[in-house]
Amino acid sequence: MDALKARGLKESAHFTIREHDSYEIRVTKYAYSKTVEALAHSGLKEGEHYAVYSKWRIIRVKKDHKDAVVNALKGGGIEEGRDFTVRSGKQYEIYITSEGLREIQRMALNGDLEAEQFIRELEDVLRRRYGDDAAHKLIEVLTPAKEEGAVELPLAVRDDKGNLIARVVDLKYEFVENGQPVGQCAGEDCRLRVVVEYELPSGERRQFKMEWYWAEKREKKDQTTVTYYYEIARPTVKDDVEVAILRTLTGEAKRGQVRLNADQLDALRRFKALKDAIDQWREGKPQKQEVQNDNQQS
């Protein structure tokens, strides 16, 4: 709670706390299997009356169910003091409100890396546990905060000394598949090409392009190879003006080939001209793949 308040979140407006009295029943190694069996035949329901944490041989119960669980253990011949001990404690549940989530999103848009990581991990957990609908609901909740910080064009571009060296006058995009622009696409072969049109002080207009694609990463886990996909772009930056433009748009730049990742695409999403296209392209992210490895004998 103190950590949340330290980040500027306010109780009631951004989060609420519920306190529960609870008890931990710690079981000895030798009595653990007998304890689990006694509970299974007690008529009490796991998840409703108690929770079992096998790794630590702990049974956690709420205050109202403590006596029933303890009596069930004693009825199974398990002795308190010798086979198990009971320790009281408190549990806290923190509920983050919709406005609290939007406030965390604002922190992320302002460069708070922990806030950004929290939002991305929350979306990932919702998608894995509850499906795409839950993840889309989170996006709907966060959208007002994201749109508050939308950046308008034209956008001034300055060098390290603060001198105006260009203006970004337009941002365009194309969906690209097999090297050809298409109306829409999805999956591993679908790319997002961002075209930055900028104007020099002389009035000359030029373009700078970056193409986003799905790179794959393979990991071997036991007998399975898992393929993950992540977003990346590798534009080539030719001169100091393009360095300054890319830094202004994404916060990342240097001469030569530059590696851009999800954080830089999030920065581009601040621009109204690109926001919907980026969201659409991300929705077409290839699914994680798991392939059973062949057992080879030498």
C-alpha atoms as a PDB file:
ATOM      1  CA  MET A   1       0.000   0.000   0.000  1.00  0.00           C
ATOM      2  CA  ASP A   2       2.798   2.410   0.891  1.00  0.00           C
ATOM      3  CA  ALA A   3       4.503   1.601  -2.417  1.00  0.00           C
ATOM      4  CA  LEU A   4       1.338   2.513  -4.332  1.00  0.00           C
ATOM      5  CA  LYS A   5       0.952   5.790  -2.453  1.00  0.00           C
ATOM      6  CA  ALA A   6       4.605   6.600  -3.051  1.00  0.00           C
ATOM      7  CA  ARG A   7       3.931   6.412  -6.803  1.00  0.00           C
ATOM      8  CA  GLY A   8       1.119   8.952  -6.493  1.00  0.00           C
ATOM      9  CA  LEU A   9      -1.832   6.540  -6.448  1.00  0.00           C
ATOM     10  CA  LYS A  10      -4.628   7.448  -4.041  1.00  0.00           C
ATOM     11  CA  GLU A  11      -6.615   4.985  -1.964  1.00  0.00           C
ATOM     12  CA  SER A  12     -10.323   4.842  -2.923  1.00  0.00           C
ATOM     13  CA  ALA A  13      -9.766   6.752  -6.172  1.00  0.00           C
ATOM     14  CA  HIS A  14      -7.100   4.440  -7.627  1.00  0.00           C
ATOM     15  CA  PHE A  15      -7.189   1.343  -5.411  1.00  0.00           C
ATOM     16  CA  THR A  16      -9.041  -0.235  -2.506  1.00  0.00           C
ATOM     17  CA  ILE A  17      -7.862  -2.682   0.144  1.00  0.00           C
ATOM     18  CA  ARG A  18      -9.710  -5.534   1.800  1.00  0.00           C
ATOM     19  CA  GLU A  19      -8.334  -7.157   4.914  1.00  0.00           C
ATOM     20  CA  HIS A  20      -9.051 -10.784   5.819  1.00  0.00           C
ATOM     21  CA  ASP A  21      -8.256 -12.622   9.033  1.00  0.00           C
ATOM     22  CA  SER A  22      -6.680 -15.943   8.158  1.00  0.00           C
ATOM     23  CA  TYR A  23      -4.751 -18.838   9.653  1.00  0.00           C
ATOM     24  CA  GLU A  24      -1.858 -20.927   8.439  1.00  0.00           C
ATOM     25  CA  ILE A  25      -1.706 -24.578   9.435  1.00  0.00           C
ATOM     26  CA  ARG A  26       1.847 -25.860   9.060  1.00  0.00           C
ATOM     27  CA  VAL A  27       2.110 -29.629   8.761  1.00  0.00           C
ATOM     28  CA  THR A  28       5.155 -31.803   9.417  1.00  0.00           C
ATOM     29  CA  LYS A  29       6.671 -33.778   6.579  1.00  0.00           C
ATOM     30  CA  TYR A  30       5.632 -37.121   8.045  1.00  0.00           C
ATOM     31  CA  ALA A  31       2.003 -36.151   8.645  1.00  0.00           C
ATOM     32  CA  TYR A  32       1.397 -34.284   5.387  1.00  0.00           C
ATOM     33  CA  SER A  33      -0.069 -37.098   3.255  1.00  0.00           C
ATOM     34  CA  LYS A  34      -2.310 -38.152   6.142  1.00  0.00           C
ATOM     35  CA  THR A  35      -3.451 -34.530   6.518  1.00  0.00           C
ATOM     36  CA  VAL A  36      -4.414 -34.216   2.855  1.00  0.00           C
ATOM     37  CA  GLU A  37      -6.312 -37.505   3.055  1.00  0.00           C
ATOM     38  CA  ALA A  38      -8.173 -36.394   6.194  1.00  0.00           C
ATOM     39  CA  LEU A  39      -9.271 -33.171   4.518  1.00  0.00           C
ATOM     40  CA  ALA A  40     -10.375 -35.025   1.385  1.00  0.00           C
ATOM     41  CA  HIS A  41     -12.763 -37.143   3.480  1.00  0.00           C
ATOM     42  CA  SER A  42     -13.915 -34.346   5.779  1.00  0.00           C
ATOM     43  CA  GLY A  43     -16.678 -32.940   3.593  1.00  0.00           C
ATOM     44  CA  LEU A  44     -14.861 -29.601   3.408  1.00  0.00           C
ATOM     45  CA  LYS A  45     -14.130 -28.215  -0.055  1.00  0.00           C
ATOM     46  CA  GLU A  46     -10.689 -27.138  -1.189  1.00  0.00           C
ATOM     47  CA  GLY A  47     -10.835 -23.595  -2.523  1.00  0.00           C
ATOM     48  CA  GLU A  48     -13.968 -22.812  -0.527  1.00  0.00           C
ATOM     49  CA  HIS A  49     -12.971 -23.795   3.014  1.00  0.00           C
ATOM     50  CA  TYR A  50      -9.204 -24.113   2.718  1.00  0.00           C
ATOM     51  CA  ALA A  51      -6.266 -23.846   0.315  1.00  0.00           C
ATOM     52  CA  VAL A  52      -3.333 -26.255   0.192  1.00  0.00           C
ATOM     53  CA  TYR A  53       0.219 -25.139  -0.629  1.00  0.00           C
ATOM     54  CA  SER A  54       1.996 -28.458  -1.124  1.00  0.00           C
ATOM     55  CA  LYS A  55       5.464 -27.037  -1.665  1.00  0.00           C
ATOM     56  CA  TRP A  56       5.556 -25.592   1.857  1.00  0.00           C
ATOM     57  CA  ARG A  57       3.111 -28.090   3.461  1.00  0.00           C
ATOM     58  CA  ILE A  58       0.848 -25.205   4.473  1.00  0.00           C
ATOM     59  CA  ILE A  59      -2.941 -25.145   4.672  1.00  0.00           C
ATOM     60  CA  ARG A  60      -4.406 -21.648   4.650  1.00  0.00           C
ATOM     61  CA  VAL A  61      -7.908 -21.086   6.018  1.00  0.00           C
ATOM     62  CA  LYS A  62     -10.103 -18.076   6.700  1.00  0.00           C
ATOM     63  CA  LYS A  63     -11.139 -17.269  10.246  1.00  0.00           C
ATOM     64  CA  ASP A  64     -14.667 -18.680   9.888  1.00  0.00           C
ATOM     65  CA  HIS A  65     -13.402 -22.086   8.717  1.00  0.00           C
ATOM     66  CA  LYS A  66     -10.428 -22.540  11.042  1.00  0.00           C
ATOM     67  CA  ASP A  67     -12.176 -24.631  13.708  1.00  0.00           C
ATOM     68  CA  ALA A  68     -13.804 -26.928  11.139  1.00  0.00           C
ATOM     69  CA  VAL A  69     -10.465 -27.642   9.446  1.00  0.00           C
ATOM     70  CA  VAL A  70      -8.619 -28.207  12.730  1.00  0.00           C
ATOM     71  CA  ASN A  71     -11.360 -30.550  13.962  1.00  0.00           C
ATOM     72  CA  ALA A  72     -11.207 -32.480  10.686  1.00  0.00           C
ATOM     73  CA  LEU A  73      -7.476 -33.015  11.167  1.00  0.00           C
ATOM     74  CA  LYS A  74      -7.883 -34.107  14.773  1.00  0.00           C
ATOM     75  CA  GLY A  75     -10.682 -36.443  13.720  1.00  0.00           C
ATOM     76  CA  GLY A  76      -8.238 -38.059  11.306  1.00  0.00           C
ATOM     77  CA  GLY A  77      -5.814 -38.850  14.114  1.00  0.00           C
ATOM     78  CA  ILE A  78      -3.513 -35.904  13.423  1.00  0.00           C
ATOM     79  CA  GLU A  79      -2.311 -34.277  16.622  1.00  0.00           C
ATOM     80  CA  GLU A  80      -1.891 -30.538  17.080  1.00  0.00           C
ATOM     81  CA  GLY A  81       1.545 -29.628  18.366  1.00  0.00           C
ATOM     82  CA  ARG A  82       3.105 -32.869  17.176  1.00  0.00           C
ATOM     83  CA  ASP A  83       1.860 -33.098  13.578  1.00  0.00           C
ATOM     84  CA  PHE A  84       0.747 -29.552  12.876  1.00  0.00           C
ATOM     85  CA  THR A  85       0.733 -26.037  14.293  1.00  0.00           C
ATOM     86  CA  VAL A  86      -1.703 -23.168  13.764  1.00  0.00           C
ATOM     87  CA  ARG A  87      -0.565 -19.586  13.277  1.00  0.00           C
ATOM     88  CA  SER A  88      -2.822 -16.580  12.866  1.00  0.00           C
ATOM     89  CA  GLY A  89      -2.201 -13.854  10.325  1.00  0.00           C
ATOM     90  CA  LYS A  90      -3.818 -11.340   8.016  1.00  0.00           C
ATOM     91  CA  GLN A  91      -4.254 -11.264   4.257  1.00  0.00           C
ATOM     92  CA  TYR A  92      -4.720  -8.154   2.163  1.00  0.00           C
ATOM     93  CA  GLU A  93      -6.376  -7.981  -1.240  1.00  0.00           C
ATOM     94  CA  ILE A  94      -5.647  -4.875  -3.299  1.00  0.00           C
ATOM     95  CA  TYR A  95      -8.139  -3.993  -6.022  1.00  0.00           C
ATOM     96  CA  ILE A  96      -6.977  -1.474  -8.616  1.00  0.00           C
ATOM     97  CA  THR A  97      -9.830   0.616  -9.995  1.00  0.00           C
ATOM     98  CA  SER A  98     -10.281   1.494 -13.669  1.00  0.00           C
ATOM     99  CA  GLU A  99      -9.056   5.002 -12.940  1.00  0.00           C
ATOM    100  CA  GLY A 100      -6.091   3.485 -11.116  1.00  0.00           C
ATOM    101  CA  LEU A 101      -5.192   1.472 -14.220  1.00  0.00           C
ATOM    102  CA  ARG A 102      -5.471   4.608 -16.342  1.00  0.00           C
ATOM    103  CA  GLU A 103      -3.196   6.473 -13.925  1.00  0.00           C
ATOM    104  CA  ILE A 104      -0.599   3.700 -14.238  1.00  0.00           C
ATOM    105  CA  GLN A 105      -0.950   3.964 -18.030  1.00  0.00           C
ATOM    106  CA  ARG A 106      -0.266   7.709 -17.797  1.00  0.00           C
ATOM    107  CA  MET A 107       2.893   6.936 -15.819  1.00  0.00           C
ATOM    108  CA  ALA A 108       3.961   4.518 -18.553  1.00  0.00           C
ATOM    109  CA  LEU A 109       3.385   7.130 -21.256  1.00  0.00           C
ATOM    110  CA  ASN A 110       5.560   9.525 -19.263  1.00  0.00           C
ATOM    111  CA  GLY A 111       8.462   7.081 -19.333  1.00  0.00           C
ATOM    112  CA  ASP A 112       7.937   5.076 -16.126  1.00  0.00           C
ATOM    113  CA  LEU A 113       9.437   1.699 -17.064  1.00  0.00           C
ATOM    114  CA  GLU A 114       7.940  -0.166 -14.091  1.00  0.00           C
ATOM    115  CA  ALA A 115       4.466   1.123 -14.925  1.00  0.00           C
ATOM    116  CA  GLU A 116       4.912   0.146 -18.560  1.00  0.00           C
ATOM    117  CA  GLN A 117       6.068  -3.345 -17.554  1.00  0.00           C
ATOM    118  CA  PHE A 118       3.081  -3.711 -15.208  1.00  0.00           C
ATOM    119  CA  ILE A 119       0.600  -2.860 -17.980  1.00  0.00           C
ATOM    120  CA  ARG A 120       2.226  -5.189 -20.512  1.00  0.00           C
ATOM    121  CA  GLU A 121       2.438  -8.089 -18.043  1.00  0.00           C
ATOM    122  CA  LEU A 122      -1.157  -7.541 -16.922  1.00  0.00           C
ATOM    123  CA  GLU A 123      -2.366  -7.696 -20.518  1.00  0.00           C
ATOM    124  CA  ASP A 124      -0.322 -10.857 -21.094  1.00  0.00           C
ATOM    125  CA  VAL A 125      -1.710 -12.552 -17.959  1.00  0.00           C
ATOM    126  CA  LEU A 126      -5.297 -11.653 -18.882  1.00  0.00           C
ATOM    127  CA  ARG A 127      -4.816 -12.995 -22.399  1.00  0.00           C
ATOM    128  CA  ARG A 128      -3.251 -16.279 -21.232  1.00  0.00           C
ATOM    129  CA  ARG A 129      -5.683 -16.974 -18.382  1.00  0.00           C
ATOM    130  CA  TYR A 130      -8.958 -15.527 -19.627  1.00  0.00           C
ATOM    131  CA  GLY A 131      -8.579 -15.068 -23.390  1.00  0.00           C
ATOM    132  CA  ASP A 132      -8.536 -12.194 -25.866  1.00  0.00           C
ATOM    133  CA  ASP A 133     -11.826 -10.697 -24.657  1.00  0.00           C
ATOM    134  CA  ALA A 134     -10.338  -9.963 -21.225  1.00  0.00           C
ATOM    135  CA  ALA A 135      -7.239  -8.381 -22.782  1.00  0.00           C
ATOM    136  CA  HIS A 136      -9.402  -6.237 -25.072  1.00  0.00           C
ATOM    137  CA  LYS A 137     -11.433  -5.101 -22.063  1.00  0.00           C
ATOM    138  CA  LEU A 138      -8.217  -3.876 -20.442  1.00  0.00           C
ATOM    139  CA  ILE A 139      -7.341  -1.996 -23.641  1.00  0.00           C
ATOM    140  CA  GLU A 140     -10.775  -0.338 -23.576  1.00  0.00           C
ATOM    141  CA  VAL A 141     -10.213   0.761 -19.972  1.00  0.00           C
ATOM    142  CA  LEU A 142      -6.774   2.194 -20.802  1.00  0.00           C
ATOM    143  CA  THR A 143      -7.716   3.898 -24.085  1.00  0.00           C
ATOM    144  CA  PRO A 144      -8.839   7.253 -22.585  1.00  0.00           C
ATOM    145  CA  ALA A 145      -5.469   7.657 -20.836  1.00  0.00           C
ATOM    146  CA  LYS A 146      -3.589   6.723 -23.999  1.00  0.00           C
ATOM    147  CA  GLU A 147      -5.493   9.238 -26.096  1.00  0.00           C
ATOM    148  CA  GLU A 148      -4.953  12.066 -23.599  1.00  0.00           C
ATOM    149  CA  GLY A 149      -1.307  12.151 -24.596  1.00  0.00           C
ATOM    150  CA  ALA A 150      -1.845  11.921 -28.342  1.00  0.00           C
ATOM    151  CA  VAL A 151       0.707  14.050 -30.176  1.00  0.00           C
ATOM    152  CA  GLU A 152      -0.368  16.282 -33.051  1.00  0.00           C
ATOM    153  CA  LEU A 153       1.563  17.224 -36.183  1.00  0.00           C
ATOM    154  CA  PRO A 154       3.530  19.147 -37.333  1.00  0.00           C
ATOM    155  CA  LEU A 155       6.225  18.293 -34.804  1.00  0.00           C
ATOM    156  CA  ALA A 156       9.387  20.333 -34.339  1.00  0.00           C
ATOM    157  CA  VAL A 157      12.693  18.435 -34.487  1.00  0.00           C
ATOM    158  CA  ARG A 158      15.707  19.982 -32.773  1.00  0.00           C
ATOM    159  CA  ASP A 159      19.360  19.044 -32.526  1.00  0.00           C
ATOM    160  CA  ASP A 160      21.349  18.625 -29.300  1.00  0.00           C
ATOM    161  CA  LYS A 161      21.830  22.405 -29.051  1.00  0.00           C
ATOM    162  CA  GLY A 162      18.125  23.146 -29.386  1.00  0.00           C
ATOM    163  CA  ASN A 163      18.294  24.404 -32.964  1.00  0.00           C
ATOM    164  CA  LEU A 164      15.284  23.691 -35.188  1.00  0.00           C
ATOM    165  CA  ILE A 165      16.563  21.425 -37.967  1.00  0.00           C
ATOM    166  CA  ALA A 166      13.336  19.896 -39.328  1.00  0.00           C
ATOM    167  CA  ARG A 167       9.612  19.451 -38.850  1.00  0.00           C
ATOM    168  CA  VAL A 168       7.726  16.170 -39.062  1.00  0.00           C
ATOM    169  CA  VAL A 169       4.761  17.109 -41.239  1.00  0.00           C
ATOM    170  CA  ASP A 170       3.133  13.732 -41.881  1.00  0.00           C
ATOM    171  CA  LEU A 171       3.125  10.146 -40.651  1.00  0.00           C
ATOM    172  CA  LYS A 172       1.821   7.438 -42.953  1.00  0.00           C
ATOM    173  CA  TYR A 173       1.683   3.664 -42.780  1.00  0.00           C
ATOM    174  CA  GLU A 174       1.299   0.636 -45.016  1.00  0.00           C
ATOM    175  CA  PHE A 175       0.628  -3.000 -44.287  1.00  0.00           C
ATOM    176  CA  VAL A 176       3.124  -5.046 -46.276  1.00  0.00           C
ATOM    177  CA  GLU A 177       2.988  -8.737 -47.147  1.00  0.00           C
ATOM    178  CA  ASN A 178       5.597 -10.509 -49.289  1.00  0.00           C
ATOM    179  CA  GLY A 179       7.120  -7.139 -50.109  1.00  0.00           C
ATOM    180  CA  GLN A 180       3.880  -5.677 -51.472  1.00  0.00           C
ATOM    181  CA  PRO A 181       1.547  -3.115 -49.848  1.00  0.00           C
ATOM    182  CA  VAL A 182      -1.841  -4.649 -48.975  1.00  0.00           C
ATOM    183  CA  GLY A 183      -5.060  -3.344 -47.483  1.00  0.00           C
ATOM    184  CA  GLN A 184      -4.700  -5.481 -44.362  1.00  0.00           C
ATOM    185  CA  CYS A 185      -2.876  -8.579 -43.199  1.00  0.00           C
ATOM    186  CA  ALA A 186      -1.992 -10.579 -40.107  1.00  0.00           C
ATOM    187  CA  GLY A 187       0.480 -13.186 -38.972  1.00  0.00           C
ATOM    188  CA  GLU A 188       4.198 -13.766 -39.304  1.00  0.00           C
ATOM    189  CA  ASP A 189       4.504 -12.396 -42.866  1.00  0.00           C
ATOM    190  CA  CYS A 190       2.593  -9.185 -42.142  1.00  0.00           C
ATOM    191  CA  ARG A 191       4.756  -6.088 -41.715  1.00  0.00           C
ATOM    192  CA  LEU A 192       3.959  -2.521 -40.726  1.00  0.00           C
ATOM    193  CA  ARG A 193       5.811   0.134 -42.708  1.00  0.00           C
ATOM    194  CA  VAL A 194       5.884   3.600 -41.137  1.00  0.00           C
ATOM    195  CA  VAL A 195       6.720   6.502 -43.452  1.00  0.00           C
ATOM    196  CA  VAL A 196       7.887   9.729 -41.809  1.00  0.00           C
ATOM    197  CA  GLU A 197       7.639  12.791 -44.024  1.00  0.00           C
ATOM    198  CA  TYR A 198       9.709  15.719 -42.802  1.00  0.00           C
ATOM    199  CA  GLU A 199      10.533  19.199 -44.007  1.00  0.00           C
ATOM    200  CA  LEU A 200      13.929  20.904 -43.797  1.00  0.00           C
ATOM    201  CA  PRO A 201      14.295  24.649 -43.063  1.00  0.00           C
ATOM    202  CA  SER A 202      14.936  25.120 -46.799  1.00  0.00           C
ATOM    203  CA  GLY A 203      11.441  23.826 -47.557  1.00  0.00           C
ATOM    204  CA  GLU A 204      12.701  20.559 -49.057  1.00  0.00           C
ATOM    205  CA  ARG A 205      10.655  17.518 -48.073  1.00  0.00           C
ATOM    206  CA  ARG A 206      12.137  14.082 -47.474  1.00  0.00           C
ATOM    207  CA  GLN A 207      11.021  10.700 -46.168  1.00  0.00           C
ATOM    208  CA  PHE A 208      12.375   8.318 -43.558  1.00  0.00           C
ATOM    209  CA  LYS A 209      11.003   4.776 -43.381  1.00  0.00           C
ATOM    210  CA  MET A 210      10.999   2.025 -40.794  1.00  0.00           C
ATOM    211  CA  GLU A 211       9.485  -1.421 -41.264  1.00  0.00           C
ATOM    212  CA  TRP A 212       8.202  -3.397 -38.290  1.00  0.00           C
ATOM    213  CA  TYR A 213       8.076  -7.179 -38.427  1.00  0.00           C
ATOM    214  CA  TRP A 214       7.647 -10.222 -36.193  1.00  0.00           C
ATOM    215  CA  ALA A 215      10.941 -11.828 -35.215  1.00  0.00           C
ATOM    216  CA  GLU A 216      10.922 -15.305 -33.735  1.00  0.00           C
ATOM    217  CA  LYS A 217      12.719 -16.739 -30.749  1.00  0.00           C
ATOM    218  CA  ARG A 218      12.924 -20.464 -30.080  1.00  0.00           C
ATOM    219  CA  GLU A 219      13.458 -22.052 -26.695  1.00  0.00           C
ATOM    220  CA  LYS A 220      13.801 -25.728 -25.852  1.00  0.00           C
ATOM    221  CA  LYS A 221      11.873 -26.828 -22.772  1.00  0.00           C
ATOM    222  CA  ASP A 222      12.244 -30.489 -21.878  1.00  0.00           C
ATOM    223  CA  GLN A 223      10.893 -32.376 -24.907  1.00  0.00           C
ATOM    224  CA  THR A 224       9.265 -29.327 -26.493  1.00  0.00           C
ATOM    225  CA  THR A 225      10.507 -26.437 -28.638  1.00  0.00           C
ATOM    226  CA  VAL A 226       8.526 -23.243 -28.048  1.00  0.00           C
ATOM    227  CA  THR A 227       8.539 -20.460 -30.651  1.00  0.00           C
ATOM    228  CA  TYR A 228       7.749 -16.932 -29.468  1.00  0.00           C
ATOM    229  CA  TYR A 229       7.296 -13.816 -31.600  1.00  0.00           C
ATOM    230  CA  TYR A 230       8.253 -10.245 -30.756  1.00  0.00           C
ATOM    231  CA  GLU A 231       8.031  -6.942 -32.646  1.00  0.00           C
ATOM    232  CA  ILE A 232      11.143  -5.298 -34.024  1.00  0.00           C
ATOM    233  CA  ALA A 233      12.358  -2.825 -36.649  1.00  0.00           C
ATOM    234  CA  ARG A 234      15.903  -2.208 -37.921  1.00  0.00           C
ATOM    235  CA  PRO A 235      15.947   1.066 -39.889  1.00  0.00           C
ATOM    236  CA  THR A 236      19.175   2.563 -41.199  1.00  0.00           C
ATOM    237  CA  VAL A 237      19.764   6.151 -40.075  1.00  0.00           C
ATOM    238  CA  LYS A 238      21.855   8.066 -42.617  1.00  0.00           C
ATOM    239  CA  ASP A 239      22.547  11.512 -41.119  1.00  0.00           C
ATOM    240  CA  ASP A 240      22.183  13.757 -38.067  1.00  0.00           C
ATOM    241  CA  VAL A 241      18.759  14.996 -39.162  1.00  0.00           C
ATOM    242  CA  GLU A 242      17.385  11.451 -39.253  1.00  0.00           C
ATOM    243  CA  VAL A 243      19.031  10.762 -35.885  1.00  0.00           C
ATOM    244  CA  ALA A 244      17.167  13.729 -34.394  1.00  0.00           C
ATOM    245  CA  ILE A 245      13.884  12.741 -36.072  1.00  0.00           C
ATOM    246  CA  LEU A 246      14.009   9.178 -34.783  1.00  0.00           C
ATOM    247  CA  ARG A 247      14.961  10.401 -31.311  1.00  0.00           C
ATOM    248  CA  THR A 248      12.029  12.834 -31.313  1.00  0.00           C
ATOM    249  CA  LEU A 249       9.592  10.124 -32.390  1.00  0.00           C
ATOM    250  CA  THR A 250      10.824   7.141 -30.366  1.00  0.00           C
ATOM    251  CA  GLY A 251      13.464   8.325 -27.889  1.00  0.00           C
ATOM    252  CA  GLU A 252      16.054   6.036 -29.481  1.00  0.00           C
ATOM    253  CA  ALA A 253      18.533   6.892 -32.224  1.00  0.00           C
ATOM    254  CA  LYS A 254      22.062   6.693 -33.532  1.00  0.00           C
ATOM    255  CA  ARG A 255      23.714   6.597 -36.929  1.00  0.00           C
ATOM    256  CA  GLY A 256      23.722   3.344 -38.838  1.00  0.00           C
ATOM    257  CA  GLN A 257      21.355   0.465 -38.260  1.00  0.00           C
ATOM    258  CA  VAL A 258      19.165   0.953 -35.186  1.00  0.00           C
ATOM    259  CA  ARG A 259      17.268  -1.780 -33.364  1.00  0.00           C
ATOM    260  CA  LEU A 260      13.796  -0.660 -32.304  1.00  0.00           C
ATOM    261  CA  ASN A 261      11.617  -2.733 -29.984  1.00  0.00           C
ATOM    262  CA  ALA A 262       8.175  -2.623 -28.376  1.00  0.00           C
ATOM    263  CA  ASP A 263       8.979   0.482 -26.304  1.00  0.00           C
ATOM    264  CA  GLN A 264       9.728   2.481 -29.447  1.00  0.00           C
ATOM    265  CA  LEU A 265       6.553   1.255 -31.162  1.00  0.00           C
ATOM    266  CA  ASP A 266       4.618   2.332 -28.066  1.00  0.00           C
ATOM    267  CA  ALA A 267       6.159   5.787 -28.500  1.00  0.00           C
ATOM    268  CA  LEU A 268       4.973   5.917 -32.121  1.00  0.00           C
ATOM    269  CA  ARG A 269       1.515   4.940 -30.941  1.00  0.00           C
ATOM    270  CA  ARG A 270       1.191   8.370 -29.283  1.00  0.00           C
ATOM    271  CA  PHE A 271       0.534   9.822 -32.732  1.00  0.00           C
ATOM    272  CA  LYS A 272      -3.083   9.741 -33.844  1.00  0.00           C
ATOM    273  CA  ALA A 273      -2.060   9.005 -37.428  1.00  0.00           C
ATOM    274  CA  LEU A 274      -0.449   5.693 -36.366  1.00  0.00           C
ATOM    275  CA  LYS A 275      -2.353   4.565 -33.270  1.00  0.00           C
ATOM    276  CA  ASP A 276      -5.093   2.498 -34.927  1.00  0.00           C
ATOM    277  CA  ALA A 277      -2.708   0.952 -37.454  1.00  0.00           C
ATOM    278  CA  ILE A 278      -0.296  -0.151 -34.715  1.00  0.00           C
ATOM    279  CA  ASP A 279      -3.135  -1.661 -32.692  1.00  0.00           C
ATOM    280  CA  GLN A 280      -4.437  -3.510 -35.751  1.00  0.00           C
ATOM    281  CA  TRP A 281      -0.999  -4.866 -36.625  1.00  0.00           C
ATOM    282  CA  ARG A 282      -0.377  -6.005 -33.057  1.00  0.00           C
ATOM    283  CA  GLU A 283      -3.689  -7.843 -32.992  1.00  0.00           C
ATOM    284  CA  GLY A 284      -2.333 -10.007 -35.825  1.00  0.00           C
ATOM    285  CA  LYS A 285       0.647 -11.184 -33.773  1.00  0.00           C
ATOM    286  CA  PRO A 286       1.515 -14.824 -34.583  1.00  0.00           C
ATOM    287  CA  GLN A 287       0.514 -17.294 -31.909  1.00  0.00           C
ATOM    288  CA  LYS A 288       3.105 -19.005 -29.747  1.00  0.00           C
ATOM    289  CA  GLN A 289       3.910 -22.452 -31.142  1.00  0.00           C
ATOM    290  CA  GLU A 290       4.934 -25.591 -29.292  1.00  0.00           C
ATOM    291  CA  VAL A 291       6.470 -28.510 -31.192  1.00  0.00           C
ATOM    292  CA  GLN A 292       7.346 -31.873 -29.699  1.00  0.00           C
ATOM    293  CA  ASN A 293      11.022 -32.676 -30.224  1.00  0.00           C
ATOM    294  CA  ASP A 294      11.904 -35.926 -31.957  1.00  0.00           C
ATOM    295  CA  ASN A 295      13.897 -38.317 -29.793  1.00  0.00           C
ATOM    296  CA  GLN A 296      17.045 -39.175 -31.665  1.00  0.00           C
ATOM    297  CA  GLN A 297      19.324 -42.020 -30.721  1.00  0.00           C
ATOM    298  CA  SER A 298      22.974 -42.026 -31.702  1.00  0.00           C
END
